[in-house]
Amino acid sequence: MGIVQRQGLRNTFISYVGLGIGFVNTTLVLPRLLAPAQLGLTSVLVSLATMGALVSALGFTNTTLRYFPYFRNRENGHSGFLPLLLGLPLALFGVVALVLWLGRPLVLRWYAHDAALLGPHYGVMLGLALCILLYNLLEAYTKSLFHTSFSSFLTDVLQRLLIVGAAVLYGSGYLSFDGFVLAYMGSYAAIAALLLGYLAVIGELHLRPTRAVLRVRPVGELLRFGSFALLGNISGTLLVTIDSLMLGSHSFADAGIYTIALNISTALAVPFRALLKTAYPLIAEYWKEGASEKLLDFYRRTTRLNTALGAYLALGIGLNLPFIYSLIHRPEYAAGTVAVLLLLAGRLTDGITGINGIIVVTSPRYRYDLLFNLALSVLIIGLNALLIPRLGLLGAAISNAAALAGINLARTWFVWRSFGWQPFDRRIFYILGLAGGAALVAWLLPTLPNSWLTLLLRGGVLTVLYGAGLLLSGWVPEVSALARRLGIGR
């Protein structure tokens, strides 16, 4: 896969280093130092800020990934694309921030049971929104330049280290909780500033506006695409924010427990995200070149790889959830166990169905993606409204998993009907059957007196059985090729 494979492997390595830091943060630091309600507050603040940043961006993150190939020309500063990318969203942010500030009484009324906790930090939410907006715009720009590793390092490693450091300072008494919240926002500001500096170092910080940007593609076309992308992005963002927002209105404590469950399930999404960071601009290039055969081959190979790795991670996490929660030493967080399993099922479906969403949104029929996303928004909000009052955080997990599965199956069907492409063959089902069989054997093993030994036993059996099955069967050629390079097998 050339550049995608190199960047994807590098991003995966960085992401898993970050995953280790995030695991320590999630299981050994934040839950021990913060009460569930305090953790729920940070989740709600980030969710509100993310929605504000999303609206302000006006879909320009997607617009960049879709249209930057037409502007790419380093010698003339990419025709002044970066000032256009930053200028319109930052101007719109001023309007969004004003609306959010004027709407403060309504927001506090929505979270009336914890308004005393949210109210003093409402201004921090606006600062968070600005930092998230700036970072997202710059990250889309660096992705389009095929520089993805540094942004992965910033979000997956450095930011998590900064948050861990702030939490330790809070736990040691050097920071108040208010100081911790400010430091939490500071981590977002730091990575945005560093990404800006990185662009300057590599010579890609072209901030001088030029009229040439108006001649490459009509601004109206960019705005129309961005508007459609915005509506689509709202649905995607709702998947990761609406649960915390709606659970928070029910209970900040439930939102905190759900945040831990969501963080644990995030391990499954790491390799998918690492691949997608580079896949988006590459697929846009395929569409531009009309390279349908390359696109279909990439679709099938990524689906196969995602299935092989995703099934292993999902089952490995599920088998060892008691061990993971035992590290937290706060029994109230273990209430999220079933939620983790449901979230893993949704994320696995997302990974197995491959890159369907990117194919649709970068295709000439990108407008149709709006229909799926609007349906997704209605579905997830409706399910949350129905299930959260009855089931609490379990209802949020059911809604999330059902929404992820539904949107991805719909997009897969649409790609097949529209372009004649579908990524599945018999090997996908063989891989899933092999993973399920290996996990069943591991699950039937006895629980040992020492939880660490149980982890090693179950994880080791799953790894040996599943890995040997993949290598002997050859169902995933990319895995077999990697094994040969490492001197494993033939």
Protein backbone atom coordinates (compact mmCIF):
# COMPACT_ATOMS: atom_id res chain seq x y z
CA MET A 1 0.00 0.00 0.00
CA GLY A 2 3.02 2.29 -0.33
CA ILE A 3 2.69 5.58 1.54
CA VAL A 4 -0.49 4.43 3.26
CA GLN A 5 1.21 1.34 4.65
CA ARG A 6 4.26 3.30 5.85
CA GLN A 7 2.27 6.11 7.41
CA GLY A 8 -0.37 3.69 8.72
CA LEU A 9 2.20 1.49 10.45
CA ARG A 10 3.94 4.54 11.91
CA ASN A 11 0.64 5.98 13.10
CA THR A 12 -0.36 2.60 14.55
CA PHE A 13 2.89 2.42 16.52
CA ILE A 14 2.42 5.96 17.84
CA SER A 15 -1.23 5.25 18.59
CA TYR A 16 -0.42 2.16 20.62
CA VAL A 17 2.23 4.00 22.62
CA GLY A 18 -0.50 6.55 23.27
CA LEU A 19 -2.91 3.76 24.06
CA GLY A 20 -0.59 2.55 26.79
CA ILE A 21 -0.42 6.05 28.24
CA GLY A 22 -4.19 6.38 27.86
CA PHE A 23 -4.69 3.06 29.63
CA VAL A 24 -2.62 4.23 32.58
CA ASN A 25 -4.50 7.52 32.52
CA THR A 26 -7.90 5.82 32.31
CA THR A 27 -7.41 2.99 34.79
CA LEU A 28 -4.68 4.08 37.18
CA VAL A 29 -4.83 7.88 37.37
CA LEU A 30 -8.09 9.69 36.57
CA PRO A 31 -10.55 7.21 38.14
CA ARG A 32 -8.49 7.08 41.32
CA LEU A 33 -8.12 10.83 41.61
CA LEU A 34 -11.47 12.04 40.30
CA ALA A 35 -14.93 11.15 41.48
CA PRO A 36 -17.28 9.93 38.74
CA ALA A 37 -19.12 13.28 38.77
CA GLN A 38 -15.86 15.20 38.27
CA LEU A 39 -14.86 12.92 35.43
CA GLY A 40 -18.33 13.36 33.98
CA LEU A 41 -17.89 17.13 34.07
CA THR A 42 -14.74 16.98 31.94
CA SER A 43 -16.55 14.71 29.50
CA VAL A 44 -19.50 17.10 29.21
CA LEU A 45 -17.18 20.12 28.78
CA VAL A 46 -15.28 18.42 25.96
CA SER A 47 -18.52 17.25 24.30
CA LEU A 48 -20.03 20.74 24.35
CA ALA A 49 -16.78 22.25 23.07
CA THR A 50 -16.52 19.65 20.31
CA MET A 51 -20.01 20.46 19.06
CA GLY A 52 -19.22 24.20 19.09
CA ALA A 53 -15.98 23.61 17.17
CA LEU A 54 -17.76 21.37 14.69
CA VAL A 55 -20.37 23.99 13.80
CA SER A 56 -17.70 26.67 13.53
CA ALA A 57 -15.57 24.55 11.18
CA LEU A 58 -18.35 24.67 8.57
CA GLY A 59 -17.24 21.29 7.22
CA PHE A 60 -13.88 22.71 6.15
CA THR A 61 -11.96 19.75 7.58
CA ASN A 62 -13.66 17.52 5.00
CA THR A 63 -13.44 20.22 2.34
CA THR A 64 -9.68 20.30 2.81
CA LEU A 65 -9.31 16.55 2.43
CA ARG A 66 -11.59 16.52 -0.60
CA TYR A 67 -10.31 19.56 -2.53
CA PHE A 68 -6.72 20.14 -1.46
CA PRO A 69 -5.36 17.97 -4.33
CA TYR A 70 -6.55 20.75 -6.69
CA PHE A 71 -4.66 23.43 -4.73
CA ARG A 72 -1.50 21.49 -4.01
CA ASN A 73 1.50 23.49 -5.25
CA ARG A 74 4.16 24.18 -2.66
CA GLU A 75 6.00 26.69 -4.80
CA ASN A 76 3.07 29.14 -4.76
CA GLY A 77 1.98 28.38 -1.19
CA HIS A 78 -0.85 26.10 -2.34
CA SER A 79 -2.55 29.15 -3.82
CA GLY A 80 -3.24 30.62 -0.38
CA PHE A 81 -5.41 27.71 0.74
CA LEU A 82 -4.43 27.81 4.43
CA PRO A 83 -5.62 31.41 5.08
CA LEU A 84 -8.97 30.46 3.52
CA LEU A 85 -9.11 27.29 5.61
CA LEU A 86 -8.51 29.19 8.86
CA GLY A 87 -10.21 32.50 8.11
CA LEU A 88 -13.84 31.54 7.54
CA PRO A 89 -14.16 29.04 10.43
CA LEU A 90 -12.43 31.33 12.94
CA ALA A 91 -14.72 34.20 11.93
CA LEU A 92 -17.75 31.97 12.37
CA PHE A 93 -16.47 30.84 15.76
CA GLY A 94 -17.00 34.36 17.07
CA VAL A 95 -20.71 34.03 16.30
CA VAL A 96 -20.94 30.50 17.74
CA ALA A 97 -19.15 31.55 20.94
CA LEU A 98 -21.56 34.45 21.40
CA VAL A 99 -24.56 32.15 20.95
CA LEU A 100 -23.13 29.65 23.43
CA TRP A 101 -22.49 32.36 25.99
CA LEU A 102 -25.96 33.85 25.64
CA GLY A 103 -27.39 30.32 25.89
CA ARG A 104 -25.60 29.67 29.18
CA PRO A 105 -28.78 29.83 31.30
CA LEU A 106 -30.47 27.23 29.11
CA VAL A 107 -27.48 24.89 29.28
CA LEU A 108 -27.27 25.18 33.05
CA ARG A 109 -30.99 24.50 33.30
CA TRP A 110 -30.50 21.33 31.22
CA TYR A 111 -27.85 20.19 33.71
CA ALA A 112 -29.72 21.54 36.72
CA HIS A 113 -28.72 18.70 39.05
CA ASP A 114 -25.02 19.51 38.57
CA ALA A 115 -25.24 23.18 37.57
CA ALA A 116 -23.10 24.18 40.56
CA LEU A 117 -20.30 22.03 39.15
CA LEU A 118 -20.70 23.08 35.50
CA GLY A 119 -21.37 26.81 35.94
CA PRO A 120 -17.92 27.94 37.13
CA HIS A 121 -16.25 26.15 34.21
CA TYR A 122 -18.55 27.28 31.41
CA GLY A 123 -15.98 29.77 30.10
CA VAL A 124 -13.39 26.99 29.92
CA MET A 125 -15.72 25.19 27.52
CA LEU A 126 -15.54 28.14 25.10
CA GLY A 127 -11.74 28.14 25.26
CA LEU A 128 -11.75 24.40 24.62
CA ALA A 129 -13.97 24.89 21.57
CA LEU A 130 -11.51 27.39 20.07
CA CYS A 131 -8.52 25.11 20.66
CA ILE A 132 -10.32 22.08 19.21
CA LEU A 133 -11.41 24.07 16.15
CA LEU A 134 -7.90 25.34 15.42
CA TYR A 135 -6.33 21.93 15.90
CA ASN A 136 -8.87 20.11 13.71
CA LEU A 137 -8.37 22.57 10.86
CA LEU A 138 -4.58 22.31 11.04
CA GLU A 139 -4.72 18.52 11.31
CA ALA A 140 -6.85 18.30 8.15
CA TYR A 141 -4.24 20.44 6.38
CA THR A 142 -1.35 18.25 7.52
CA LYS A 143 -3.26 15.11 6.51
CA SER A 144 -3.66 16.53 3.02
CA LEU A 145 0.10 17.08 2.93
CA PHE A 146 0.53 13.38 3.91
CA HIS A 147 2.18 14.43 7.17
CA THR A 148 0.14 12.46 9.67
CA SER A 149 2.62 11.04 12.18
CA PHE A 150 3.29 14.23 14.13
CA SER A 151 -0.40 14.97 14.67
CA SER A 152 -0.82 11.37 15.83
CA PHE A 153 1.99 11.91 18.32
CA LEU A 154 0.40 15.11 19.59
CA THR A 155 -3.05 13.66 20.23
CA ASP A 156 -2.18 10.08 21.14
CA VAL A 157 0.96 10.65 23.20
CA LEU A 158 1.75 14.22 24.22
CA GLN A 159 -1.75 15.37 25.10
CA ARG A 160 -2.34 12.29 27.21
CA LEU A 161 0.92 12.85 29.04
CA LEU A 162 -0.10 16.43 29.74
CA ILE A 163 -3.45 15.28 31.13
CA VAL A 164 -1.77 12.62 33.27
CA GLY A 165 0.63 15.24 34.58
CA ALA A 166 -2.22 17.61 35.42
CA ALA A 167 -4.10 14.82 37.20
CA VAL A 168 -1.05 13.87 39.26
CA LEU A 169 -0.55 17.51 40.25
CA TYR A 170 -4.19 17.67 41.29
CA GLY A 171 -3.93 14.46 43.28
CA SER A 172 -0.77 15.71 44.98
CA GLY A 173 -2.47 18.92 46.04
CA TYR A 174 -0.47 21.25 43.79
CA LEU A 175 -3.55 22.04 41.71
CA SER A 176 -7.11 22.64 42.76
CA PHE A 177 -9.86 20.99 40.76
CA ASP A 178 -10.42 24.33 39.00
CA GLY A 179 -6.71 24.37 38.16
CA PHE A 180 -6.96 20.83 36.79
CA VAL A 181 -9.82 21.86 34.50
CA LEU A 182 -7.74 24.79 33.21
CA ALA A 183 -4.76 22.50 32.67
CA TYR A 184 -7.04 20.10 30.81
CA MET A 185 -7.93 22.91 28.43
CA GLY A 186 -4.26 23.84 28.24
CA SER A 187 -3.43 20.42 26.80
CA TYR A 188 -5.65 21.20 23.79
CA ALA A 189 -4.07 24.63 23.40
CA ALA A 190 -0.58 23.13 23.56
CA ILE A 191 -1.09 20.59 20.77
CA ALA A 192 -2.70 23.22 18.53
CA ALA A 193 0.27 25.56 19.04
CA LEU A 194 2.77 22.76 18.43
CA LEU A 195 1.05 21.67 15.22
CA LEU A 196 1.18 25.26 14.02
CA GLY A 197 4.90 25.31 14.82
CA TYR A 198 5.42 22.00 13.02
CA LEU A 199 3.94 23.42 9.84
CA ALA A 200 6.34 26.34 10.10
CA VAL A 201 9.32 24.00 10.55
CA ILE A 202 8.47 21.91 7.47
CA GLY A 203 7.87 25.06 5.42
CA GLU A 204 4.13 24.62 4.96
CA LEU A 205 2.81 27.51 7.06
CA HIS A 206 1.64 29.68 4.17
CA LEU A 207 -0.44 32.38 5.87
CA ARG A 208 -0.34 35.09 3.20
CA PRO A 209 -3.78 35.41 1.54
CA THR A 210 -3.82 35.42 -2.27
CA ARG A 211 -6.49 35.92 -4.88
CA ALA A 212 -5.25 32.79 -6.60
CA VAL A 213 -7.27 30.71 -4.14
CA LEU A 214 -10.47 32.02 -5.75
CA ARG A 215 -9.44 30.80 -9.20
CA VAL A 216 -8.58 27.16 -8.42
CA ARG A 217 -12.07 26.11 -7.36
CA PRO A 218 -15.10 28.36 -6.86
CA VAL A 219 -15.54 29.31 -3.20
CA GLY A 220 -19.25 28.58 -3.58
CA GLU A 221 -18.43 25.00 -4.47
CA LEU A 222 -16.23 24.66 -1.39
CA LEU A 223 -18.94 26.13 0.83
CA ARG A 224 -21.61 23.85 -0.60
CA PHE A 225 -19.46 20.79 -0.06
CA GLY A 226 -18.55 22.02 3.42
CA SER A 227 -22.22 22.52 4.30
CA PHE A 228 -23.03 18.97 3.31
CA ALA A 229 -19.96 17.70 5.14
CA LEU A 230 -20.96 19.69 8.24
CA LEU A 231 -24.32 17.97 8.40
CA GLY A 232 -22.57 14.65 7.96
CA ASN A 233 -19.97 15.45 10.58
CA ILE A 234 -22.65 16.34 13.08
CA SER A 235 -23.88 12.77 12.92
CA GLY A 236 -20.40 11.36 13.36
CA THR A 237 -19.67 13.69 16.24
CA LEU A 238 -22.97 12.87 17.87
CA LEU A 239 -21.78 9.28 18.13
CA VAL A 240 -18.96 10.31 20.47
CA THR A 241 -20.54 13.31 22.23
CA ILE A 242 -24.29 12.90 22.51
CA ASP A 243 -23.99 10.02 24.98
CA SER A 244 -22.04 12.18 27.44
CA LEU A 245 -24.28 15.19 26.83
CA MET A 246 -27.52 13.27 27.39
CA LEU A 247 -26.14 11.08 30.17
CA GLY A 248 -24.83 14.22 31.85
CA SER A 249 -28.35 15.60 32.01
CA HIS A 250 -29.29 12.38 33.80
CA SER A 251 -26.22 12.16 36.04
CA PHE A 252 -22.65 13.45 35.82
CA ALA A 253 -21.61 10.32 37.73
CA ASP A 254 -23.11 8.06 35.03
CA ALA A 255 -21.36 10.17 32.40
CA GLY A 256 -18.06 9.62 34.21
CA ILE A 257 -18.53 5.84 34.40
CA TYR A 258 -19.53 5.78 30.74
CA THR A 259 -16.43 7.79 29.84
CA ILE A 260 -14.23 5.07 31.33
CA ALA A 261 -16.17 2.40 29.40
CA LEU A 262 -15.78 4.41 26.21
CA ASN A 263 -12.05 4.87 26.81
CA ILE A 264 -11.54 1.13 27.32
CA SER A 265 -13.34 0.35 24.07
CA THR A 266 -11.23 2.95 22.26
CA ALA A 267 -8.35 0.44 22.05
CA LEU A 268 -10.29 -1.27 19.29
CA ALA A 269 -10.54 1.90 17.23
CA VAL A 270 -6.84 2.82 17.35
CA PRO A 271 -5.65 0.85 14.28
CA PHE A 272 -8.73 1.92 12.32
CA ARG A 273 -8.09 5.59 13.05
CA ALA A 274 -4.41 5.27 12.21
CA LEU A 275 -5.28 3.92 8.78
CA LEU A 276 -8.06 6.42 8.10
CA LYS A 277 -5.76 9.38 8.78
CA THR A 278 -3.85 8.54 5.62
CA ALA A 279 -6.62 6.79 3.67
CA TYR A 280 -8.83 9.89 3.32
CA PRO A 281 -6.51 11.99 1.12
CA LEU A 282 -5.40 8.90 -0.82
CA ILE A 283 -8.99 7.96 -1.72
CA ALA A 284 -9.59 11.55 -2.79
CA GLU A 285 -6.60 11.16 -5.13
CA TYR A 286 -8.04 7.89 -6.51
CA TRP A 287 -11.32 9.64 -7.31
CA LYS A 288 -9.47 12.48 -8.98
CA GLU A 289 -7.44 10.04 -11.11
CA GLY A 290 -10.40 7.76 -11.84
CA ALA A 291 -8.41 4.82 -10.44
CA SER A 292 -11.40 2.65 -9.55
CA GLU A 293 -9.46 -0.63 -9.59
CA LYS A 294 -6.92 0.71 -7.10
CA LEU A 295 -9.72 2.05 -4.92
CA LEU A 296 -11.57 -1.29 -4.88
CA ASP A 297 -8.37 -3.19 -4.08
CA PHE A 298 -7.64 -0.79 -1.24
CA TYR A 299 -11.23 -1.18 0.02
CA ARG A 300 -10.95 -4.96 0.19
CA ARG A 301 -7.49 -5.09 1.70
CA THR A 302 -8.26 -2.60 4.46
CA THR A 303 -11.50 -4.40 5.30
CA ARG A 304 -9.66 -7.70 5.59
CA LEU A 305 -6.93 -6.21 7.77
CA ASN A 306 -9.43 -4.38 9.98
CA THR A 307 -11.40 -7.59 10.46
CA ALA A 308 -8.33 -9.61 11.44
CA LEU A 309 -6.97 -7.06 13.90
CA GLY A 310 -10.33 -5.81 15.16
CA ALA A 311 -11.67 -9.24 16.05
CA TYR A 312 -8.52 -10.06 18.00
CA LEU A 313 -8.56 -6.81 19.96
CA ALA A 314 -12.30 -6.91 20.69
CA LEU A 315 -12.15 -10.43 22.05
CA GLY A 316 -8.93 -9.81 23.95
CA ILE A 317 -10.42 -6.78 25.71
CA GLY A 318 -13.72 -8.54 26.40
CA LEU A 319 -12.04 -11.58 27.93
CA ASN A 320 -9.99 -9.48 30.33
CA LEU A 321 -12.47 -6.82 31.45
CA PRO A 322 -12.51 -8.07 35.09
CA PHE A 323 -8.74 -7.58 35.21
CA ILE A 324 -8.96 -4.10 33.68
CA TYR A 325 -11.58 -2.92 36.16
CA SER A 326 -9.70 -4.47 39.08
CA LEU A 327 -6.89 -1.98 38.44
CA ILE A 328 -9.16 1.01 39.09
CA HIS A 329 -9.87 0.11 42.72
CA ARG A 330 -13.21 1.93 42.62
CA PRO A 331 -16.05 -0.59 42.32
CA GLU A 332 -18.53 2.00 41.05
CA TYR A 333 -16.70 2.17 37.71
CA ALA A 334 -17.22 -1.57 37.08
CA ALA A 335 -20.88 -0.75 36.42
CA GLY A 336 -19.72 -0.01 32.88
CA THR A 337 -18.69 -3.62 32.09
CA VAL A 338 -21.68 -4.47 29.89
CA ALA A 339 -21.44 -1.05 28.26
CA VAL A 340 -17.86 -1.85 27.19
CA LEU A 341 -18.99 -5.08 25.50
CA LEU A 342 -21.71 -3.27 23.59
CA LEU A 343 -19.36 -0.48 22.55
CA LEU A 344 -16.82 -3.05 21.36
CA ALA A 345 -19.48 -4.68 19.17
CA GLY A 346 -20.30 -1.35 17.58
CA ARG A 347 -16.68 -0.43 16.98
CA LEU A 348 -15.92 -3.85 15.51
CA THR A 349 -18.76 -3.44 13.01
CA ASP A 350 -17.37 -0.02 12.14
CA GLY A 351 -13.95 -1.48 11.45
CA ILE A 352 -15.12 -4.54 9.53
CA THR A 353 -17.19 -2.47 7.11
CA GLY A 354 -14.00 -0.70 6.17
CA ILE A 355 -13.67 2.67 4.55
CA ASN A 356 -17.21 2.90 3.15
CA GLY A 357 -17.86 6.31 4.69
CA ILE A 358 -14.75 7.85 3.14
CA ILE A 359 -15.61 6.38 -0.24
CA VAL A 360 -19.07 7.92 -0.16
CA VAL A 361 -18.09 11.35 1.13
CA THR A 362 -15.25 11.77 -1.37
CA SER A 363 -17.26 10.41 -4.32
CA PRO A 364 -19.32 12.38 -6.86
CA ARG A 365 -22.39 11.15 -4.94
CA TYR A 366 -21.25 12.63 -1.65
CA ARG A 367 -24.62 14.36 -1.15
CA TYR A 368 -26.27 11.01 -0.48
CA ASP A 369 -24.14 10.56 2.60
CA LEU A 370 -26.18 13.35 4.14
CA LEU A 371 -29.28 11.16 4.13
CA PHE A 372 -27.52 8.42 6.07
CA ASN A 373 -26.08 10.88 8.56
CA LEU A 374 -29.38 12.63 9.18
CA ALA A 375 -31.01 9.26 9.76
CA LEU A 376 -28.16 8.38 12.12
CA SER A 377 -28.64 11.58 14.09
CA VAL A 378 -32.35 10.96 14.48
CA LEU A 379 -31.70 7.34 15.44
CA ILE A 380 -29.08 7.96 18.10
CA ILE A 381 -30.89 10.91 19.68
CA GLY A 382 -34.18 9.01 19.65
CA LEU A 383 -32.64 5.86 21.14
CA ASN A 384 -30.83 7.86 23.81
CA ALA A 385 -33.99 9.76 24.71
CA LEU A 386 -35.86 6.46 24.96
CA LEU A 387 -33.24 4.32 26.70
CA ILE A 388 -31.17 6.59 28.95
CA PRO A 389 -34.06 7.48 31.31
CA ARG A 390 -34.82 3.74 31.63
CA LEU A 391 -31.39 2.11 31.48
CA GLY A 392 -28.93 4.91 32.22
CA LEU A 393 -25.43 4.30 30.85
CA LEU A 394 -26.45 0.90 29.46
CA GLY A 395 -29.04 2.64 27.32
CA ALA A 396 -26.37 4.99 25.99
CA ALA A 397 -24.14 2.04 25.06
CA ILE A 398 -27.00 0.26 23.25
CA SER A 399 -27.78 3.43 21.32
CA ASN A 400 -24.15 3.92 20.33
CA ALA A 401 -23.64 0.34 19.16
CA ALA A 402 -26.91 0.24 17.21
CA ALA A 403 -26.18 3.56 15.52
CA LEU A 404 -22.65 2.52 14.49
CA ALA A 405 -23.84 -0.79 13.08
CA GLY A 406 -26.78 0.79 11.29
CA ILE A 407 -24.90 3.59 9.55
CA ASN A 408 -22.07 1.35 8.40
CA LEU A 409 -24.33 -1.35 7.00
CA ALA A 410 -26.31 1.33 5.15
CA ARG A 411 -23.17 2.89 3.68
CA THR A 412 -21.78 -0.49 2.66
CA TRP A 413 -25.02 -1.24 0.82
CA PHE A 414 -24.94 2.18 -0.86
CA VAL A 415 -21.37 1.74 -2.12
CA TRP A 416 -22.31 -1.66 -3.52
CA ARG A 417 -25.44 -0.41 -5.27
CA SER A 418 -23.86 2.80 -6.55
CA PHE A 419 -20.43 1.62 -7.68
CA GLY A 420 -20.63 -2.17 -7.67
CA TRP A 421 -18.01 -2.46 -4.93
CA GLN A 422 -18.27 -4.57 -1.83
CA PRO A 423 -15.29 -5.58 0.32
CA PHE A 424 -16.40 -8.97 1.61
CA ASP A 425 -15.44 -12.50 0.63
CA ARG A 426 -15.52 -15.85 2.42
CA ARG A 427 -12.27 -15.11 4.19
CA ILE A 428 -13.94 -12.43 6.31
CA PHE A 429 -16.30 -15.02 7.80
CA TYR A 430 -13.49 -17.54 8.21
CA ILE A 431 -11.48 -14.94 10.16
CA LEU A 432 -14.41 -14.16 12.43
CA GLY A 433 -15.06 -17.87 13.02
CA LEU A 434 -11.40 -18.46 13.86
CA ALA A 435 -11.37 -15.53 16.29
CA GLY A 436 -14.58 -16.72 17.96
CA GLY A 437 -13.26 -20.26 18.34
CA ALA A 438 -9.96 -19.11 19.84
CA ALA A 439 -11.79 -16.80 22.25
CA LEU A 440 -14.14 -19.60 23.33
CA VAL A 441 -11.19 -21.82 24.23
CA ALA A 442 -9.59 -18.96 26.19
CA TRP A 443 -12.86 -18.17 27.99
CA LEU A 444 -13.30 -21.80 29.09
CA LEU A 445 -9.95 -21.78 30.84
CA PRO A 446 -10.15 -21.66 34.64
CA THR A 447 -9.70 -18.40 36.52
CA LEU A 448 -6.41 -18.47 38.40
CA PRO A 449 -5.94 -17.07 41.93
CA ASN A 450 -3.73 -14.30 40.56
CA SER A 451 -5.46 -11.92 38.12
CA TRP A 452 -2.19 -11.22 36.27
CA LEU A 453 -1.70 -14.93 35.63
CA THR A 454 -5.28 -15.20 34.36
CA LEU A 455 -4.61 -12.31 31.99
CA LEU A 456 -1.44 -13.94 30.66
CA LEU A 457 -3.10 -17.35 30.32
CA ARG A 458 -6.19 -16.19 28.45
CA GLY A 459 -4.37 -13.60 26.39
CA GLY A 460 -1.61 -16.04 25.51
CA VAL A 461 -3.98 -18.82 24.43
CA LEU A 462 -6.04 -16.41 22.34
CA THR A 463 -2.93 -15.02 20.68
CA VAL A 464 -1.34 -18.40 19.92
CA LEU A 465 -4.49 -20.03 18.56
CA TYR A 466 -5.63 -17.05 16.54
CA GLY A 467 -2.17 -16.10 15.26
CA ALA A 468 -1.32 -19.66 14.25
CA GLY A 469 -4.67 -19.98 12.49
CA LEU A 470 -4.10 -16.84 10.45
CA LEU A 471 -0.57 -17.83 9.46
CA LEU A 472 -1.43 -21.41 8.53
CA SER A 473 -4.57 -20.49 6.60
CA GLY A 474 -3.14 -17.52 4.70
CA TRP A 475 -6.54 -15.80 4.84
CA VAL A 476 -4.86 -12.42 5.40
CA PRO A 477 -1.92 -12.17 2.96
CA GLU A 478 -0.68 -8.94 4.54
CA VAL A 479 -0.27 -10.69 7.91
CA SER A 480 1.55 -13.59 6.29
CA ALA A 481 3.87 -11.19 4.43
CA LEU A 482 4.66 -9.31 7.64
CA ALA A 483 5.38 -12.60 9.42
CA ARG A 484 7.81 -13.62 6.67
CA ARG A 485 9.64 -10.30 7.00
CA LEU A 486 9.95 -10.95 10.73
CA GLY A 487 11.29 -14.45 10.06
CA ILE A 488 8.09 -16.23 11.13
CA GLY A 489 6.77 -18.89 8.80
CA ARG A 490 7.63 -19.24 5.14
